[in-house]
C-alpha atoms as a PDB file:
ATOM      1  CA  UNK A   1      65.162   4.674 213.607  1.00  0.00           C
ATOM      2  CA  UNK A   2      65.893   8.174 212.486  1.00  0.00           C
ATOM      3  CA  UNK A   3      67.771   9.501 209.441  1.00  0.00           C
ATOM      4  CA  UNK A   4      70.234  12.417 210.176  1.00  0.00           C
ATOM      5  CA  UNK A   5      72.670  14.396 208.156  1.00  0.00           C
ATOM      6  CA  UNK A   6      76.215  14.225 209.151  1.00  0.00           C
ATOM      7  CA  UNK A   7      78.871  16.663 209.298  1.00  0.00           C
ATOM      8  CA  UNK A   8      82.374  15.619 208.987  1.00  0.00           C
ATOM      9  CA  UNK A   9      83.092  16.589 212.442  1.00  0.00           C
ATOM     10  CA  UNK A  10      80.253  14.329 213.974  1.00  0.00           C
ATOM     11  CA  UNK A  11      81.353  11.310 215.918  1.00  0.00           C
ATOM     12  CA  UNK A  12      78.787   9.233 213.852  1.00  0.00           C
ATOM     13  CA  UNK A  13      80.715  10.295 210.716  1.00  0.00           C
ATOM     14  CA  UNK A  14      83.758   8.746 212.244  1.00  0.00           C
ATOM     15  CA  UNK A  15      81.526   5.581 212.927  1.00  0.00           C
ATOM     16  CA  UNK A  16      80.498   5.746 209.084  1.00  0.00           C
ATOM     17  CA  UNK A  17      84.198   5.807 208.001  1.00  0.00           C
ATOM     18  CA  UNK A  18      84.907   2.850 210.258  1.00  0.00           C
ATOM     19  CA  UNK A  19      81.983   0.856 208.672  1.00  0.00           C
ATOM     20  CA  UNK A  20      83.009   1.771 205.137  1.00  0.00           C
ATOM     21  CA  UNK A  21      86.602   0.718 205.697  1.00  0.00           C
ATOM     22  CA  UNK A  22      85.482  -2.609 207.423  1.00  0.00           C
ATOM     23  CA  UNK A  23      83.073  -3.400 204.755  1.00  0.00           C
ATOM     24  CA  UNK A  24      84.784  -2.352 201.588  1.00  0.00           C
ATOM     25  CA  UNK A  25      88.541  -1.993 202.182  1.00  0.00           C
ATOM     26  CA  UNK A  26      89.924  -3.938 205.013  1.00  0.00           C
ATOM     27  CA  UNK A  27      89.576  -7.428 203.340  1.00  0.00           C
ATOM     28  CA  UNK A  28      91.619  -6.391 200.224  1.00  0.00           C
ATOM     29  CA  UNK A  29      94.131  -4.726 202.531  1.00  0.00           C
ATOM     30  CA  UNK A  30      93.723  -1.349 201.238  1.00  0.00           C
ATOM     31  CA  UNK A  31      94.879   1.809 203.233  1.00  0.00           C
ATOM     32  CA  UNK A  32      92.196   3.889 205.020  1.00  0.00           C
ATOM     33  CA  UNK A  33      93.156   6.816 202.831  1.00  0.00           C
ATOM     34  CA  UNK A  34      91.513   5.303 199.920  1.00  0.00           C
ATOM     35  CA  UNK A  35      88.182   6.466 201.475  1.00  0.00           C
ATOM     36  CA  UNK A  36      89.139  10.198 201.009  1.00  0.00           C
ATOM     37  CA  UNK A  37      88.663  10.714 197.288  1.00  0.00           C
ATOM     38  CA  UNK A  38      88.024  14.119 195.807  1.00  0.00           C
ATOM     39  CA  UNK A  39      84.256  14.058 196.529  1.00  0.00           C
ATOM     40  CA  UNK A  40      84.432  13.444 200.288  1.00  0.00           C
ATOM     41  CA  UNK A  41      84.774  16.763 201.692  1.00  0.00           C
ATOM     42  CA  UNK A  42      81.995  18.282 199.345  1.00  0.00           C
ATOM     43  CA  UNK A  43      79.456  15.328 199.714  1.00  0.00           C
ATOM     44  CA  UNK A  44      76.235  15.212 201.596  1.00  0.00           C
ATOM     45  CA  UNK A  45      76.367  12.479 204.228  1.00  0.00           C
ATOM     46  CA  UNK A  46      73.321  10.654 205.766  1.00  0.00           C
ATOM     47  CA  UNK A  47      72.974   8.179 208.363  1.00  0.00           C
ATOM     48  CA  UNK A  48      70.340   5.896 209.832  1.00  0.00           C
ATOM     49  CA  UNK A  49      70.592   5.935 213.495  1.00  0.00           C
ATOM     50  CA  UNK A  50      68.995   3.735 216.234  1.00  0.00           C
ATOM     51  CA  UNK A  51      69.649   4.805 219.966  1.00  0.00           C
ATOM     52  CA  UNK A  52      72.566   7.078 218.756  1.00  0.00           C
ATOM     53  CA  UNK A  53      74.248   4.214 216.914  1.00  0.00           C
ATOM     54  CA  UNK A  54      75.009   4.099 213.246  1.00  0.00           C
ATOM     55  CA  UNK A  55      73.161   1.397 211.455  1.00  0.00           C
ATOM     56  CA  UNK A  56      73.536   2.575 207.882  1.00  0.00           C
ATOM     57  CA  UNK A  57      75.272   5.370 205.856  1.00  0.00           C
ATOM     58  CA  UNK A  58      75.296   6.712 202.333  1.00  0.00           C
ATOM     59  CA  UNK A  59      76.899   9.629 200.457  1.00  0.00           C
ATOM     60  CA  UNK A  60      75.572  12.153 197.771  1.00  0.00           C
ATOM     61  CA  UNK A  61      77.889  14.062 195.696  1.00  0.00           C
ATOM     62  CA  UNK A  62      77.167  16.562 192.858  1.00  0.00           C
ATOM     63  CA  UNK A  63      79.804  15.659 190.353  1.00  0.00           C
ATOM     64  CA  UNK A  64      78.964  18.309 187.817  1.00  0.00           C
ATOM     65  CA  UNK A  65      76.028  20.580 187.481  1.00  0.00           C
ATOM     66  CA  UNK A  66      72.623  18.617 188.057  1.00  0.00           C
ATOM     67  CA  UNK A  67      74.596  15.353 187.731  1.00  0.00           C
ATOM     68  CA  UNK A  68      74.700  13.454 191.238  1.00  0.00           C
ATOM     69  CA  UNK A  69      76.411  10.396 192.394  1.00  0.00           C
ATOM     70  CA  UNK A  70      75.437   8.122 195.303  1.00  0.00           C
ATOM     71  CA  UNK A  71      78.316   6.087 196.668  1.00  0.00           C
ATOM     72  CA  UNK A  72      79.724   4.315 199.735  1.00  0.00           C
ATOM     73  CA  UNK A  73      76.427   2.951 200.978  1.00  0.00           C
ATOM     74  CA  UNK A  74      76.853   0.600 203.939  1.00  0.00           C
ATOM     75  CA  UNK A  75      74.545  -1.208 206.247  1.00  0.00           C
ATOM     76  CA  UNK A  76      75.796  -2.928 209.364  1.00  0.00           C
ATOM     77  CA  UNK A  77      75.914  -6.603 208.661  1.00  0.00           C
ATOM     78  CA  UNK A  78      73.540  -7.639 211.380  1.00  0.00           C
ATOM     79  CA  UNK A  79      71.071  -4.968 210.045  1.00  0.00           C
ATOM     80  CA  UNK A  80      71.055  -6.000 206.318  1.00  0.00           C
ATOM     81  CA  UNK A  81      67.897  -7.245 204.715  1.00  0.00           C
ATOM     82  CA  UNK A  82      65.599  -4.936 206.923  1.00  0.00           C
ATOM     83  CA  UNK A  83      65.228  -1.961 204.319  1.00  0.00           C
ATOM     84  CA  UNK A  84      67.653   0.433 205.770  1.00  0.00           C
ATOM     85  CA  UNK A  85      69.643   0.711 202.529  1.00  0.00           C
ATOM     86  CA  UNK A  86      66.411   1.442 200.670  1.00  0.00           C
ATOM     87  CA  UNK A  87      65.382   4.143 203.058  1.00  0.00           C
ATOM     88  CA  UNK A  88      68.789   5.932 203.060  1.00  0.00           C
ATOM     89  CA  UNK A  89      68.971   5.513 199.283  1.00  0.00           C
ATOM     90  CA  UNK A  90      65.492   7.111 199.077  1.00  0.00           C
ATOM     91  CA  UNK A  91      66.315  10.019 201.321  1.00  0.00           C
ATOM     92  CA  UNK A  92      69.451  10.794 199.074  1.00  0.00           C
ATOM     93  CA  UNK A  93      67.445  10.468 195.926  1.00  0.00           C
ATOM     94  CA  UNK A  94      64.998  12.871 197.340  1.00  0.00           C
ATOM     95  CA  UNK A  95      67.909  15.254 198.349  1.00  0.00           C
ATOM     96  CA  UNK A  96      69.345  15.000 194.763  1.00  0.00           C
ATOM     97  CA  UNK A  97      65.864  15.844 193.224  1.00  0.00           C
ATOM     98  CA  UNK A  98      65.465  18.795 195.610  1.00  0.00           C
ATOM     99  CA  UNK A  99      68.862  20.120 194.450  1.00  0.00           C
ATOM    100  CA  UNK A 100      67.774  20.069 190.809  1.00  0.00           C
ATOM    101  CA  UNK A 101      69.187  16.670 189.646  1.00  0.00           C
ATOM    102  CA  UNK A 102      68.791  15.704 185.899  1.00  0.00           C
ATOM    103  CA  UNK A 103      70.477  12.519 186.504  1.00  0.00           C
ATOM    104  CA  UNK A 104      71.425  10.416 189.582  1.00  0.00           C
ATOM    105  CA  UNK A 105      73.840   7.490 189.178  1.00  0.00           C
ATOM    106  CA  UNK A 106      75.861   4.882 191.298  1.00  0.00           C
ATOM    107  CA  UNK A 107      78.106   1.955 190.911  1.00  0.00           C
ATOM    108  CA  UNK A 108      76.115  -1.067 192.283  1.00  0.00           C
ATOM    109  CA  UNK A 109      77.451  -4.247 193.563  1.00  0.00           C
ATOM    110  CA  UNK A 110      75.864  -7.036 191.253  1.00  0.00           C
ATOM    111  CA  UNK A 111      74.027  -8.645 194.022  1.00  0.00           C
ATOM    112  CA  UNK A 112      72.205  -5.153 194.930  1.00  0.00           C
ATOM    113  CA  UNK A 113      70.970  -4.265 191.416  1.00  0.00           C
ATOM    114  CA  UNK A 114      67.399  -5.487 192.061  1.00  0.00           C
ATOM    115  CA  UNK A 115      67.147  -3.124 195.034  1.00  0.00           C
ATOM    116  CA  UNK A 116      68.248  -0.125 192.884  1.00  0.00           C
ATOM    117  CA  UNK A 117      65.892  -0.948 189.957  1.00  0.00           C
ATOM    118  CA  UNK A 118      62.999  -0.844 192.590  1.00  0.00           C
ATOM    119  CA  UNK A 119      63.941   2.790 193.168  1.00  0.00           C
ATOM    120  CA  UNK A 120      63.987   3.656 189.438  1.00  0.00           C
ATOM    121  CA  UNK A 121      67.676   3.147 188.649  1.00  0.00           C
ATOM    122  CA  UNK A 122      68.588   1.266 185.183  1.00  0.00           C
ATOM    123  CA  UNK A 123      71.714  -0.570 184.426  1.00  0.00           C
ATOM    124  CA  UNK A 124      74.113   1.081 182.083  1.00  0.00           C
ATOM    125  CA  UNK A 125      76.793  -0.652 180.049  1.00  0.00           C
ATOM    126  CA  UNK A 126      78.574  -3.922 181.094  1.00  0.00           C
ATOM    127  CA  UNK A 127      79.545  -4.937 184.576  1.00  0.00           C
ATOM    128  CA  UNK A 128      83.214  -4.529 185.658  1.00  0.00           C
ATOM    129  CA  UNK A 129      85.435  -5.232 188.446  1.00  0.00           C
ATOM    130  CA  UNK A 130      86.434  -2.384 190.680  1.00  0.00           C
ATOM    131  CA  UNK A 131      90.226  -1.772 190.335  1.00  0.00           C
ATOM    132  CA  UNK A 132      90.490  -1.111 194.151  1.00  0.00           C
ATOM    133  CA  UNK A 133      88.595  -3.890 195.553  1.00  0.00           C
ATOM    134  CA  UNK A 134      88.165  -6.471 192.777  1.00  0.00           C
ATOM    135  CA  UNK A 135      84.453  -6.676 193.451  1.00  0.00           C
ATOM    136  CA  UNK A 136      82.102  -6.559 190.403  1.00  0.00           C
ATOM    137  CA  UNK A 137      79.763  -3.507 189.807  1.00  0.00           C
ATOM    138  CA  UNK A 138      77.647  -2.067 187.227  1.00  0.00           C
ATOM    139  CA  UNK A 139      76.875   1.442 186.597  1.00  0.00           C
ATOM    140  CA  UNK A 140      73.198   2.327 187.313  1.00  0.00           C
ATOM    141  CA  UNK A 141      71.483   5.647 186.430  1.00  0.00           C
ATOM    142  CA  UNK A 142      68.200   7.296 187.308  1.00  0.00           C
ATOM    143  CA  UNK A 143      67.190  10.112 184.891  1.00  0.00           C
ATOM    144  CA  UNK A 144      64.757  12.758 185.882  1.00  0.00           C
END
């Protein structure tokens, strides 16, 4: 298993978009264009790849100076529970720190809170239901 940085022109980036859509947006019937928010083009994209096949993906965005957001983390359903999400998240956390982050945050699905806590993230505020997908989340922050 290797971790690679994706350019938006890479075929694996297209695979990541397909996986993101399938796991987050297909079931609630949302259009594919929902994935292309204001952060997509300026974000840092990373994938866990095995034999040239995408296994996991995550995205890092500098929202404002020294404040970074991690979002859109997906792991192939048949690969979940094998630590791929943790490894990809760790890579992005290190990347944010190398870029001078004071704070890294994400919006976690409630079932994943313990994984993020193991990596130094702490819950912030109350849980909420995402407007687009109807899935409960909570903001989590890691301050440096």
